[in-house]
Each structure stands twice: as C-alpha cells, then as structure tokens.
Protein backbone atom coordinates (compact mmCIF):
# COMPACT_ATOMS: atom_id res chain seq x y z
CA MET A 1 -4.92 7.50 -45.78
CA ALA A 2 -4.79 6.83 -41.71
CA ALA A 3 -7.36 9.96 -41.76
CA MET A 4 -9.59 8.26 -44.16
CA TYR A 5 -9.08 4.93 -42.46
CA LEU A 6 -10.06 6.43 -38.74
CA GLN A 7 -13.09 8.09 -40.28
CA ASN A 8 -14.22 5.06 -42.30
CA GLN A 9 -13.68 2.05 -39.61
CA GLY A 10 -10.89 3.14 -36.80
CA PHE A 11 -13.06 5.34 -34.56
CA GLU A 12 -15.97 2.67 -34.51
CA GLU A 13 -13.66 0.31 -33.63
CA TYR A 14 -12.56 2.14 -30.97
CA ALA A 15 -16.02 3.31 -29.48
CA SER A 16 -16.83 -0.44 -29.69
CA ALA A 17 -13.63 -1.34 -27.58
CA ARG A 18 -14.41 1.19 -25.00
CA ARG A 19 -18.01 0.19 -24.98
CA LEU A 20 -16.97 -3.04 -24.08
CA SER A 21 -14.94 -2.53 -21.46
CA GLU A 22 -16.84 0.39 -19.95
CA GLU A 23 -20.30 -0.90 -19.95
CA GLU A 24 -20.69 -4.49 -20.93
CA SER A 25 -18.00 -5.75 -19.10
CA ARG A 26 -20.40 -5.08 -16.12
CA GLN A 27 -22.32 -7.78 -17.11
CA ASP A 28 -19.98 -10.67 -17.54
CA PRO A 29 -20.38 -13.70 -15.74
CA GLU A 30 -18.55 -14.49 -13.07
CA THR A 31 -16.84 -17.76 -14.94
CA GLU A 32 -15.51 -15.56 -17.41
CA PRO A 33 -14.97 -12.02 -15.50
CA TYR A 34 -12.90 -10.40 -18.24
CA LYS A 35 -14.90 -11.95 -21.48
CA SER A 36 -15.69 -8.14 -22.64
CA LYS A 37 -12.45 -6.43 -21.80
CA TYR A 38 -10.68 -9.37 -23.76
CA LYS A 39 -12.82 -8.54 -27.27
CA ALA A 40 -11.83 -4.78 -26.35
CA ARG A 41 -8.42 -5.84 -26.12
CA GLU A 42 -8.41 -7.32 -29.35
CA LEU A 43 -10.12 -4.33 -31.35
CA LEU A 44 -7.17 -1.89 -29.68
CA LEU A 45 -4.49 -3.95 -30.84
CA GLN A 46 -6.02 -3.98 -34.61
CA LEU A 47 -6.68 -0.27 -34.34
CA ALA A 48 -2.84 -0.17 -32.97
CA GLU A 49 -1.45 -2.38 -35.94
CA ALA A 50 -3.10 -0.62 -38.92
CA LEU A 51 -2.36 3.14 -37.25
CA GLN A 52 1.01 1.70 -37.08
CA GLY A 53 1.02 0.57 -40.72
CA PHE A 54 0.27 4.33 -41.90
CA GLN A 55 2.80 6.16 -39.93
CA ASP A 56 5.74 5.55 -43.16
CA GLU A 57 3.45 6.93 -45.52
CA SER A 58 2.10 9.97 -43.41
CA GLN A 59 3.38 13.75 -44.12
CA ALA A 60 5.19 15.51 -40.80
CA GLU A 61 1.91 16.89 -39.19
CA GLU A 62 -0.02 14.08 -39.80
CA ASN A 63 2.03 11.81 -38.64
CA ILE A 64 2.70 13.85 -35.19
CA GLU A 65 -1.50 13.25 -34.80
CA LEU A 66 -0.87 9.40 -35.61
CA THR A 67 1.95 9.51 -32.98
CA LEU A 68 -0.12 10.65 -30.21
CA GLN A 69 -2.99 8.90 -31.41
CA LEU A 70 -1.13 5.69 -30.81
CA ALA A 71 0.31 6.95 -27.55
CA GLU A 72 -3.18 7.03 -26.89
CA LEU A 73 -4.05 3.57 -27.87
CA TRP A 74 -1.13 2.15 -26.06
CA PHE A 75 -2.16 3.81 -23.04
CA HIS A 76 -5.51 2.07 -22.76
CA LEU A 77 -4.05 -0.98 -24.06
CA GLY A 78 -1.63 -0.65 -20.82
CA VAL A 79 -5.06 -0.09 -18.56
CA ASN A 80 -6.77 -3.13 -20.33
CA PHE A 81 -3.88 -5.58 -19.65
CA SER A 82 -3.68 -3.62 -15.82
CA GLU A 83 -7.85 -4.42 -15.04
CA THR A 84 -7.30 -8.18 -16.07
CA GLU A 85 -4.11 -8.65 -13.72
CA GLU A 86 -2.05 -8.78 -16.54
CA VAL A 87 0.06 -6.11 -14.53
CA PRO A 88 3.90 -6.87 -16.38
CA THR A 89 2.29 -6.21 -19.87
CA GLY A 90 0.21 -3.39 -18.72
CA GLU A 91 3.15 -1.64 -17.28
CA GLN A 92 5.08 -2.41 -21.20
CA TYR A 93 2.36 -0.68 -22.85
CA PHE A 94 2.49 2.64 -20.52
CA SER A 95 6.02 2.64 -21.47
CA ARG A 96 5.53 2.67 -25.08
CA CYS A 97 3.42 5.32 -24.43
CA ALA A 98 5.52 7.54 -22.54
CA GLU A 99 8.23 6.81 -25.22
CA LEU A 100 5.77 8.17 -28.19
CA MET A 101 5.23 10.75 -26.09
CA GLN A 102 8.27 12.52 -25.46
CA GLY A 103 8.58 16.16 -26.66
CA HIS A 104 4.86 16.41 -27.09
CA LYS A 105 4.09 16.77 -23.17
CA MET A 106 2.97 20.35 -23.76
CA ASP A 107 0.76 19.43 -26.46
CA GLN A 108 -3.00 20.32 -25.82
CA ARG A 109 -3.72 16.77 -27.60
CA CYS A 110 -2.24 14.59 -25.71
CA VAL A 111 -0.74 16.06 -22.08
CA ASN A 112 -4.02 14.72 -20.10
CA THR A 113 -2.85 11.28 -21.64
CA CYS A 114 0.21 12.09 -20.65
CA LEU A 115 -0.39 12.62 -16.57
CA ASN A 116 -2.94 9.48 -16.57
CA CYS A 117 0.00 7.58 -18.02
CA LEU A 118 2.44 8.55 -15.42
CA ASN A 119 -0.31 8.28 -13.23
CA GLN A 120 -0.84 4.64 -13.75
CA VAL A 121 2.84 3.59 -13.80
CA SER A 122 3.25 5.41 -10.47
CA THR A 123 0.85 2.32 -8.77
CA PHE A 124 3.21 -0.12 -10.08
CA THR A 125 6.74 1.28 -9.44
CA LEU A 126 7.23 1.57 -5.93
CA THR A 127 10.92 2.54 -6.14
CA SER A 128 10.35 5.66 -8.54
CA LEU A 129 6.64 6.55 -7.19
CA ASN A 130 7.58 9.82 -5.87
CA CYS A 131 9.63 10.82 -9.02
CA LEU A 132 6.78 9.82 -11.31
CA ASN A 133 4.02 11.84 -9.35
CA GLN A 134 6.58 14.60 -9.25
CA GLU A 135 7.13 14.99 -12.84
CA ALA A 136 3.41 14.67 -13.47
CA GLU A 137 3.19 17.39 -11.22
CA ASP A 138 5.52 19.34 -12.96
CA ILE A 139 3.89 18.99 -16.13
CA TYR A 140 0.78 19.77 -14.95
CA LYS A 141 2.04 23.31 -13.09
CA MET A 142 4.38 24.06 -16.58
CA TYR A 143 1.39 23.38 -19.07
CA MET A 144 -0.60 25.43 -17.25
CA HIS A 145 2.04 28.59 -16.94
CA ASN A 146 3.09 28.23 -20.67
CA VAL A 147 -0.03 26.87 -22.77
CA GLY A 148 -3.00 27.66 -20.05
CA GLN A 149 -5.71 25.77 -22.81
CA PRO A 150 -7.89 23.18 -21.64
CA PRO A 151 -6.53 20.05 -22.87
CA LEU A 152 -8.31 17.11 -25.16
CA LEU A 153 -10.44 14.93 -23.32
CA LEU A 154 -8.59 11.62 -22.41
CA HIS A 155 -10.63 9.89 -25.76
CA GLU A 156 -10.89 12.87 -27.82
CA LEU A 157 -8.01 12.07 -29.83
CA LEU A 158 -9.79 8.77 -30.98
CA SER A 159 -12.89 10.52 -31.58
CA PRO A 160 -14.72 11.41 -35.24
CA GLU A 161 -15.30 14.39 -33.83
CA GLN A 162 -13.75 16.62 -30.64
CA THR A 163 -17.07 18.01 -28.95
CA GLY A 164 -15.41 18.75 -25.28
CA SER A 165 -16.38 21.96 -24.12
CA PRO A 166 -13.14 23.91 -22.69
CA LYS A 167 -15.56 23.51 -18.76
CA SER A 168 -15.91 19.75 -19.59
CA ARG A 169 -11.89 19.48 -20.59
CA GLN A 170 -10.62 21.02 -17.74
CA ALA A 171 -12.56 19.70 -15.20
CA GLU A 172 -11.10 16.21 -16.22
CA PHE A 173 -7.70 17.78 -16.26
CA GLU A 174 -7.87 18.97 -12.82
CA LYS A 175 -9.48 15.57 -11.72
CA THR A 176 -6.27 14.28 -13.36
CA HIS A 177 -4.10 16.18 -11.33
CA THR A 178 -5.96 15.72 -8.28
CA LEU A 179 -5.39 12.21 -8.42
CA THR A 180 -1.70 12.92 -9.01
CA LEU A 181 -1.61 14.88 -5.67
CA TYR A 182 -3.39 12.25 -4.07
CA TYR A 183 -0.67 9.66 -5.21
CA LEU A 184 2.08 11.87 -4.24
CA ALA A 185 0.88 12.45 -1.02
CA GLN A 186 1.13 8.81 -0.35
CA THR A 187 5.19 9.33 -0.97
CA TYR A 188 6.25 11.36 1.69
CA PRO A 189 5.58 9.22 4.79
CA LYS A 190 7.78 6.56 3.20
CA LEU A 191 10.50 9.29 2.76
CA GLY A 192 9.94 10.57 6.69
CA ASP A 193 8.16 13.94 5.46
CA ASN A 194 4.89 13.65 7.60
CA GLU A 195 4.30 17.59 7.76
CA LYS A 196 4.77 17.46 4.04
CA ALA A 197 2.35 14.63 3.72
CA LEU A 198 -0.36 16.34 6.12
CA MET A 199 -0.19 19.54 3.80
CA ASP A 200 -0.80 17.90 0.49
CA ASP A 201 -3.67 15.65 1.61
CA ILE A 202 -5.21 18.95 2.64
CA GLY A 203 -4.77 20.72 -0.51
CA GLU A 204 -5.70 17.44 -2.45
CA LEU A 205 -8.75 17.06 -0.32
CA ASP A 206 -9.65 20.63 -0.82
CA ARG A 207 -9.13 20.27 -5.13
CA ALA A 208 -11.17 17.11 -4.76
CA LYS A 209 -14.17 18.76 -3.28
CA GLN A 210 -14.19 21.19 -5.77
CA THR A 211 -13.91 18.44 -8.29
CA ASP A 212 -16.11 16.12 -7.42
CA LEU A 213 -14.06 13.69 -6.53
CA ALA A 214 -14.73 14.09 -2.85
CA LYS A 215 -17.86 11.19 -3.36
CA GLY A 216 -15.24 8.59 -3.73
CA GLY A 217 -14.74 9.03 0.13
CA ALA A 218 -12.35 10.20 2.38
CA VAL A 219 -8.89 9.88 1.40
CA PHE A 220 -7.13 11.78 4.37
CA GLY A 221 -4.76 9.77 5.74
CA SER A 222 -6.23 6.52 4.00
CA LYS A 223 -2.99 5.46 2.92
CA GLY A 224 -0.33 8.02 4.56
CA SER A 225 0.93 5.72 7.35
CA HIS A 226 2.01 2.36 5.02
CA ASN A 227 4.11 1.80 2.45
CA ASP A 228 3.28 -0.73 -0.52
CA ASP A 229 5.79 -3.00 0.46
CA LYS A 230 4.82 -2.62 3.94
CA GLN A 231 7.10 -5.30 5.36
CA GLU A 232 7.85 -3.04 7.95
CA LYS A 233 5.49 -0.58 9.77
CA SER A 234 7.64 1.92 11.59
CA GLU A 235 6.14 3.77 14.56
CA ASP A 236 8.29 6.84 16.18
CA PRO A 237 6.22 8.81 18.53
CA GLU A 238 8.36 10.88 19.27
CA LYS A 239 9.12 11.61 15.50
CA ALA A 240 5.07 11.95 14.91
CA GLU A 241 4.76 14.66 17.63
CA GLY A 242 7.69 16.35 17.01
CA ALA A 243 5.53 16.65 13.70
CA ASP A 244 2.55 17.99 14.93
CA GLY A 245 4.39 20.21 17.30
CA SER A 246 5.88 21.84 14.09
CA ILE A 247 2.88 22.47 12.22
CA CYS A 248 1.17 23.59 15.17
CA HIS A 249 3.34 26.42 15.81
CA HIS A 250 3.59 27.84 12.56
CA GLY A 251 1.08 30.37 13.29
CA ASP A 252 1.79 31.98 10.13
CA GLU A 253 0.49 28.67 8.14
CA LYS A 254 -2.46 27.87 10.41
CA SER A 255 -4.45 29.14 7.06
CA GLN A 256 -2.85 26.41 5.36
CA LEU A 257 -4.47 23.80 7.90
CA ARG A 258 -8.17 25.16 6.91
CA PHE A 259 -10.49 23.15 4.33
CA GLU A 260 -12.14 26.25 3.61
CA SER A 261 -14.60 24.77 0.92
CA LEU A 262 -15.72 21.94 2.87
CA GLU A 263 -17.90 21.73 5.61
CA LEU A 264 -16.90 19.38 8.30
CA THR A 265 -18.75 20.24 11.46
CA ALA A 266 -20.48 17.34 11.29
CA LEU A 267 -17.60 15.22 11.07
CA GLU A 268 -15.18 17.14 13.71
CA ASP A 269 -18.12 16.66 16.31
CA GLN A 270 -17.44 12.88 15.95
CA VAL A 271 -13.93 12.48 17.45
CA THR A 272 -12.59 14.94 19.94
CA ASP A 273 -9.30 17.19 18.80
CA LYS A 274 -7.92 16.62 22.29
CA LYS A 275 -5.53 13.81 23.36
CA VAL A 276 -7.13 10.73 24.35
CA THR A 277 -5.94 9.57 27.72
CA ASP A 278 -8.44 6.89 29.17
CA PHE A 279 -10.33 3.86 27.95
CA ASP A 280 -13.62 5.68 27.41
CA GLN A 281 -12.71 8.32 25.18
CA ALA A 282 -10.37 5.98 23.24
CA ARG A 283 -13.47 3.63 22.41
CA ALA A 284 -15.25 6.57 21.26
CA VAL A 285 -12.86 7.25 18.96
CA PHE A 286 -12.56 3.70 17.94
CA LEU A 287 -16.31 3.44 17.35
CA VAL A 288 -16.25 5.94 14.70
CA GLY A 289 -13.33 4.14 13.10
CA GLN A 290 -14.79 1.14 12.89
CA LYS A 291 -17.79 2.45 11.60
CA TYR A 292 -15.55 4.11 8.74
CA VAL A 293 -13.97 0.72 8.18
CA ASN A 294 -17.33 -1.35 7.79
CA ALA A 295 -18.89 1.29 5.34
CA ALA A 296 -15.33 1.16 3.19
CA LYS A 297 -15.27 -2.89 3.37
CA GLU A 298 -19.07 -2.42 1.74
CA PHE A 299 -17.52 -1.15 -1.53
CA TYR A 300 -13.55 -2.29 -1.33
CA VAL A 301 -14.89 -6.15 -1.28
CA LEU A 302 -11.75 -8.76 -1.63
CA ASP A 303 -12.73 -10.12 -4.73
CA GLY A 304 -12.27 -7.33 -7.42
CA HIS A 305 -10.27 -4.43 -4.66
CA VAL A 306 -7.53 -7.24 -3.08
CA THR A 307 -4.92 -4.49 -2.11
CA ASP A 308 -7.87 -2.12 -0.94
CA PHE A 309 -9.54 -4.65 1.23
CA VAL A 310 -6.20 -5.79 2.62
CA GLU A 311 -5.10 -2.02 3.62
CA ILE A 312 -8.56 -1.60 5.20
CA THR A 313 -8.35 -4.72 7.23
CA GLN A 314 -4.84 -3.69 8.52
CA ASP A 315 -6.05 -0.09 9.40
CA TRP A 316 -9.06 -2.45 11.30
CA SER A 317 -6.35 -4.35 13.06
CA GLN A 318 -4.57 -1.02 13.91
CA LEU A 319 -7.70 0.74 15.56
CA PHE A 320 -8.00 -2.53 17.96
CA ARG A 321 -4.19 -2.62 18.75
CA ALA A 322 -4.71 1.20 19.52
CA LEU A 323 -7.92 0.52 21.49
CA SER A 324 -6.26 -2.08 23.61
CA PHE A 325 -3.03 0.52 24.90
CA PHE A 326 -6.03 1.93 27.13
CA GLU A 327 -7.19 -1.31 28.27
CA GLN A 328 -5.99 -1.97 32.01
CA ASP A 329 -7.55 -5.24 32.04
CA PHE A 330 -5.27 -8.23 30.47
CA GLU A 331 -8.16 -10.76 29.56
CA ARG A 332 -10.49 -7.95 27.52
CA ARG A 333 -6.97 -6.50 26.27
CA CYS A 334 -5.89 -10.28 25.35
CA LYS A 335 -9.42 -10.59 23.61
CA MET A 336 -8.86 -7.67 21.43
CA HIS A 337 -5.53 -8.82 20.04
CA LYS A 338 -7.32 -12.13 19.33
CA ARG A 339 -9.76 -10.30 17.24
CA ARG A 340 -6.72 -8.90 14.95
CA ALA A 341 -5.09 -12.45 14.87
CA ASP A 342 -8.55 -13.76 13.94
CA MET A 343 -9.11 -11.41 11.11
CA LEU A 344 -5.58 -11.17 9.53
CA GLN A 345 -5.36 -15.11 9.52
CA SER A 346 -8.52 -15.40 8.09
CA LEU A 347 -7.48 -12.91 5.44
CA LEU A 348 -4.12 -14.27 4.65
CA SER A 349 -5.92 -17.89 3.99
CA GLU A 350 -7.85 -16.08 1.12
CA LEU A 351 -4.67 -14.22 -0.63
CA ASN A 352 -2.40 -16.11 -2.92
CA GLN A 353 1.30 -16.30 -1.79
CA GLN A 354 2.85 -16.05 -5.25
CA HIS A 355 0.58 -13.12 -6.18
CA TYR A 356 0.96 -11.44 -3.23
CA LEU A 357 3.88 -11.99 -1.29
CA LEU A 358 4.79 -8.61 0.02
CA VAL A 359 1.21 -8.30 1.44
CA CYS A 360 1.67 -11.97 2.80
CA ARG A 361 4.79 -11.33 4.48
CA GLN A 362 3.62 -8.44 6.53
CA ILE A 363 0.48 -9.88 7.36
CA MET A 364 2.45 -13.00 9.01
CA TYR A 365 4.73 -10.43 10.46
CA GLU A 366 1.94 -9.07 12.01
CA ILE A 367 0.31 -11.88 13.17
CA ALA A 368 3.34 -13.01 15.03
CA GLU A 369 3.61 -10.28 16.73
CA ILE A 370 0.23 -9.94 17.97
CA PHE A 371 0.62 -13.74 19.54
CA SER A 372 3.64 -12.90 20.83
CA GLU A 373 1.75 -9.51 22.51
CA MET A 374 -1.07 -12.12 23.90
CA LEU A 375 1.63 -14.43 25.43
CA ASP A 376 3.46 -11.44 26.92
CA LEU A 377 -0.37 -10.94 28.63
CA LYS A 378 -0.72 -14.17 29.58
CA VAL A 379 2.41 -14.60 31.68
CA ALA A 380 1.82 -11.28 33.44
CA ILE A 381 -2.10 -12.55 34.03
CA ALA A 382 -0.14 -15.91 35.38
CA GLU A 383 2.51 -14.28 37.67
CA SER A 384 -0.17 -11.76 39.19
CA GLY A 385 -1.74 -14.84 40.73
CA ASP A 386 -0.37 -16.14 44.06
CA GLU A 387 -0.61 -19.39 42.91
CA ARG A 388 1.06 -21.45 40.42
CA PRO A 389 -0.05 -20.91 36.87
CA THR A 390 -2.79 -24.05 36.03
CA VAL A 391 -2.59 -26.48 33.35
CA HIS A 392 -4.83 -24.98 31.16
CA ALA A 393 -2.95 -21.51 31.75
CA VAL A 394 0.20 -23.18 30.80
CA LYS A 395 -1.33 -25.24 27.85
CA LYS A 396 -2.40 -21.29 26.40
CA ILE A 397 1.15 -19.87 26.91
CA ASN A 398 2.85 -22.56 25.45
CA SER A 399 0.14 -22.72 22.79
CA LEU A 400 0.81 -18.74 22.29
CA ALA A 401 4.51 -18.94 21.98
CA GLN A 402 3.95 -21.92 19.49
CA GLN A 403 1.63 -19.72 17.30
CA SER A 404 3.47 -17.05 17.22
CA ILE A 405 6.93 -18.92 16.04
CA SER A 406 5.03 -20.18 12.92
CA HIS A 407 4.17 -17.12 12.02
CA TYR A 408 7.50 -15.89 12.17
CA GLN A 409 8.89 -18.88 10.43
CA MET A 410 6.30 -18.36 7.70
CA PHE A 411 7.68 -15.13 7.18
CA LEU A 412 11.30 -16.55 6.73
CA ASP A 413 10.42 -19.45 4.87
CA SER A 414 8.95 -16.99 2.21
CA LEU A 415 12.78 -15.24 2.31
CA ARG A 416 13.83 -18.46 0.68
CA LYS A 417 14.99 -18.83 -2.91
CA ALA A 418 13.79 -21.57 -5.19
CA ASP A 419 16.06 -24.05 -4.21
CA LYS A 420 14.36 -23.14 -0.82
CA GLU A 421 17.95 -22.34 0.93
CA MET A 422 18.43 -19.17 2.91
CA PRO A 423 19.94 -16.36 0.61
CA LYS A 424 23.42 -15.28 1.23
CA THR A 425 22.72 -11.52 0.85
CA PHE A 426 19.71 -9.70 2.08
CA SER A 427 18.20 -6.69 0.48
CA GLU A 428 17.93 -3.69 3.08
CA ASP A 429 14.34 -4.24 2.97
CA THR A 430 14.16 -7.71 4.52
CA LEU A 431 17.54 -7.83 6.17
CA ARG A 432 16.63 -6.21 9.61
CA PRO A 433 12.99 -7.89 9.98
CA ALA A 434 14.61 -11.17 9.10
CA LEU A 435 17.26 -10.53 12.12
CA VAL A 436 14.52 -9.44 14.19
CA ALA A 437 12.36 -12.08 13.45
CA ASN A 438 14.97 -14.18 13.92
CA PHE A 439 15.64 -13.03 17.74
CA CYS A 440 11.77 -13.05 18.62
CA VAL A 441 11.94 -17.02 17.62
CA GLY A 442 15.15 -17.49 20.47
CA ARG A 443 12.86 -15.42 22.83
CA LEU A 444 9.70 -16.82 22.33
CA TYR A 445 11.25 -20.75 23.01
CA SER A 446 12.63 -19.81 25.89
CA LYS A 447 9.00 -18.85 27.19
CA PHE A 448 7.82 -21.88 27.02
CA LEU A 449 6.34 -23.68 30.55
CA SER A 450 7.37 -27.20 31.25
CA SER A 451 7.86 -28.98 34.74
CA ASP A 452 10.64 -31.25 32.41
CA PRO A 453 13.75 -30.02 33.17
CA GLN A 454 14.74 -32.03 29.80
CA VAL A 455 12.39 -30.01 27.93
CA LYS A 456 13.44 -26.67 29.39
CA LEU A 457 16.93 -27.28 28.10
CA GLN A 458 15.80 -28.59 24.74
CA ASN A 459 13.99 -25.13 24.71
CA MET A 460 16.82 -22.98 25.81
CA SER A 461 18.64 -24.64 23.20
CA LYS A 462 16.77 -23.70 20.62
CA SER A 463 16.51 -20.00 21.78
CA SER A 464 20.18 -19.79 21.28
CA HIS A 465 21.82 -22.49 19.46
CA GLY A 466 19.51 -24.51 18.25
CA LYS A 467 17.41 -25.04 14.92
CA HIS A 468 16.05 -21.85 15.31
CA PRO A 469 19.51 -19.60 16.91
CA ALA A 470 19.04 -16.22 17.44
CA ARG A 471 21.94 -15.34 16.08
CA PHE A 472 20.48 -16.18 12.84
CA ARG A 473 23.41 -17.52 11.24
CA ILE A 474 25.48 -14.21 11.70
CA LYS A 475 28.63 -16.18 9.72
CA LYS A 476 26.35 -15.88 6.45
CA LEU A 477 25.66 -12.25 6.98
CA SER A 478 29.79 -11.72 7.01
CA PHE A 479 29.56 -11.81 3.46
CA HIS A 480 26.67 -9.32 2.88
CA GLU A 481 27.96 -6.27 1.31
CA ARG A 482 25.97 -3.90 3.60
CA VAL A 483 26.73 -6.12 6.59
CA HIS A 484 27.62 -2.99 8.32
CA HIS A 485 24.11 -1.89 8.46
CA ALA A 486 23.56 -5.25 10.70
CA GLN A 487 26.31 -3.83 12.83
CA HIS A 488 24.74 -0.37 12.93
CA SER A 489 21.59 -2.35 14.75
CA ARG A 490 23.22 -3.80 17.41
CA MET A 491 22.12 -1.44 20.06
CA GLU A 492 18.92 -0.89 18.51
CA ILE A 493 18.39 -5.14 18.63
CA GLU A 494 19.86 -5.37 21.84
CA GLN A 495 17.57 -3.04 23.21
CA LEU A 496 14.59 -4.76 21.78
CA ILE A 497 15.61 -7.56 23.44
CA ILE A 498 15.92 -6.30 27.28
CA GLN A 499 12.17 -4.47 26.70
CA HIS A 500 10.81 -7.97 25.99
CA GLY A 501 12.78 -9.67 28.77
CA ARG A 502 15.06 -11.67 26.42
CA SER A 503 18.25 -11.94 28.87
CA ASN A 504 18.96 -15.28 27.72
CA VAL A 505 19.60 -14.61 23.99
CA ARG A 506 23.29 -13.44 23.12
CA THR A 507 24.06 -12.23 20.03
CA ARG A 508 27.32 -11.40 18.58
CA LEU A 509 26.86 -8.94 15.64
C-alpha cells in the first residue's frame, strides 16, 4: 500500500516540495521571503502524515524502509523549520529523525541522512557540539570499515528510481563527512586543544579540496578562535605560543602540517611566516586580512547570514585591535579603536536582542572594553604634556568613561530576569564576566575628571559603594552554589585591577 501510494503520488509530492524549497524560494518577494518554503512544508507534512498511516499495515521489511523514509522526511522538515528561523521546532524534527534511525545507522539507505542530521543538530546544541560531531565521525569510520559501499544520496530514498552512481554517492558522503570534520575542528579551541584544532583544520581543508568543497571559501581558522556564546574571548599568549612550539618541535609530524593537494604558493607569499615586530609588517598582514574580510562580507550579508556577518565583523574588529598594538602614536591608535567601536555599535543597532541575546552581550562587552582602552589612551596623552588638560580633552575623557560605563551597564542589564531583578545565582559562563564588568565600572568612575571637589567625591563614592558598586553586591554571591569559583578568581581579578591602575577599588571576596 505504501509503495503504491509513493509511486502514484508521494514521490511527486516530495519532488514538488524539493523544487519549491531549492529553486522557487529564490524568487520569493522580500515581503514574503519564506513563501515557497511554507508551501514545501505543507507538502512534506502531508506526505509524512500519509506514510505514518501506512506503518501499522506494512510487512516487516517494507516497514523498515517506510521508517527510514519517514526519518528522511523528518530530517527535511527539520531543515525547513530551521531555514524559516523556527529553530526549536526544527530541533524537534531532527530529534524525531534521529530516534527513527536508531538501530539503522549502518544501513546503506540512511547513513548519509544520519550524518547530515547529526551535523544539523550540532549547530544548535553548544553543550553537546563535540559529542555529536564525534558521533558522526565514528559512524562514518564504522560504516566505511564494516560496509564500505557508497550509501544512497540524501534524496534517493524518496525518489521513484535510485539512479545515483557509486561515484556521485561516495562524493556526497565524503562531503557530508568533511562538514562533520569542519564542525568538529571548531570545538577543540573551546576545549583548549589548539593543536588538535590545527590538525583537524588541515585534514578538513585537504579533504575539502579533494571533494570540491574548497570553493566555498577558506575555512581554516575561520571560527577556531571564538565560541558560540562568545561571552568571553580568552586570549592566553603563553598557551598559544606553547601550542605553536609543541607543533613545531614534533619533527616526525611535520608532514601532517602539509597540504599535499593544495597549491598555496600565491597565498603564502601574501603573508609573512615570521613574527611581526613593527607597524609596517603588521600593516601588511592587516591589509591582507581586511581584503578577505571585505570579500567575505560581499557574500555573508547581514540579511540572511546574521551569525556569519557578526563573526566576520568581530574578526575585522580584532584585526584593528592587533594592528593598534604596533602603533606608537596614541592618537592614531585611538582612531583605530574608534573604528572598531563604530562598526560594532552599528552592528549592535541592527540586531534584535531577543533573538541574538548572546551575541549582543558579547558585542556590548567588547564595545565597553574599546571605550575603556580609548579612555586610557586619552589620559596617557593628557598626562604626557607639561600643561593641564584642556577643557576639550577633559570632556573627551569623561565622555569615553561614560560610554564605556553605559555599555558595561547594558551588558549587566541583559543578565537581569524578566522582573528586572538581578538573579541570585549566576551560571559559570556569566559569573566572572559580570564581576569583571562591575569592577570595570567602578574603575571608570574613578577616571572622571572634575575640578569640583563635590563631584570628585560623588564619583569616588560610586566607584566603591554607590549605585554601581565594584563589590557587585558580593553578599548576593554568598548564596551562589559555585561561589568558590568567584573566590578562586580573587587574585586574577585583583591583578586585573592593578594592571589598570584601579588602586581605589577594594574587594572583599
């Protein structure tokens, strides 16, 4: 019955849904960007409902194929809901797909769908990202070892004739596995394993070249330096240098660092392989990086590629930050940071905090840090002269302090609950950033310049005990079940305060 239905009607409905989603959706008007995808969804849901009705009356072997066909429909529905920005519903369909494929992961008919499903789910679930991609890689290796036959193409199970050639099937399977390796390579920096990330990126790029995925752009290192919640970007030069050194000293592993199938001479000549030591060298590297940033922004536009556009903009900001390190002129360095602030503020104004809260928090935090760095530069410029700071210089310093405070406060306000109250407990991801943000606010109040003793006293009070206490209501944190983490960070935070000259801030962690 099910086979007859599919031959007479089902396969045609699926082909129509696929055509709507992949072809006609490109012509949808801006006022109805998902018009065709919604129509495709209706067809997929009708087809899934019909197949579910045939399950009970099917014979055992036919029922297995019916189950796998239904699993593939759940997968495509998951993709459909994800593409229309209904991610939670999409996750539900991916989960249903995974459940139906339990026990059939080595089946030639569905192993490709299984890997695609795990890849899709891994992009949503940050906490189990590494586990899901590792599972996908294990399934690939096990299948190639135990079965070895090219699996069906992603759409063949719902087509009237399985016409895929062994070559095309294997090519698609390899592309799916390459995507798995790409996602897996992004997880290692989050786990602190930079060397493993490097080796996986190299292997993944080599595979990408062989399977024609390299046309999609350079993926090496494109996301390895940031985590998806990105609330805190960690920079540890000693660890990074140690990782680099450990790779360079593994003489017997040098061959693993070579891209045998890639012709890289032209690209290698663009960037030096030696350590950058002055501004001219840094600028040369910066210009190459900026060229690729601009090229990426032409494709990954904000409308339709929000996450990618945000990450590219943040990378661009970091390019300016790295370049500013080598600039000896404080005024020019300040202008570089101003460029960073402008691009990030413009980006923040375009984002919906309700949908992109984690990204917005990170951008708020970075903007606050930028204005704080600009403040320090302006203070250094003022102190380097023999005369007292001009009225204009004082206003600029105070303005920078206020802008930094405002963005730190925006970050802190984003942590509030629905009732606008600060939570009594904080997650491990937000506890330290919240503490540091408050210490920074306290320090910034001490940087305000004024000739009025009363104003000075008020700012000093705000710095330590007032509306924005540097202690961040530590009594609240005493109830935190992980308060020992905050206590463990005391020396780290105090060192941060010392580095920024926050001698007036006192803590009682």
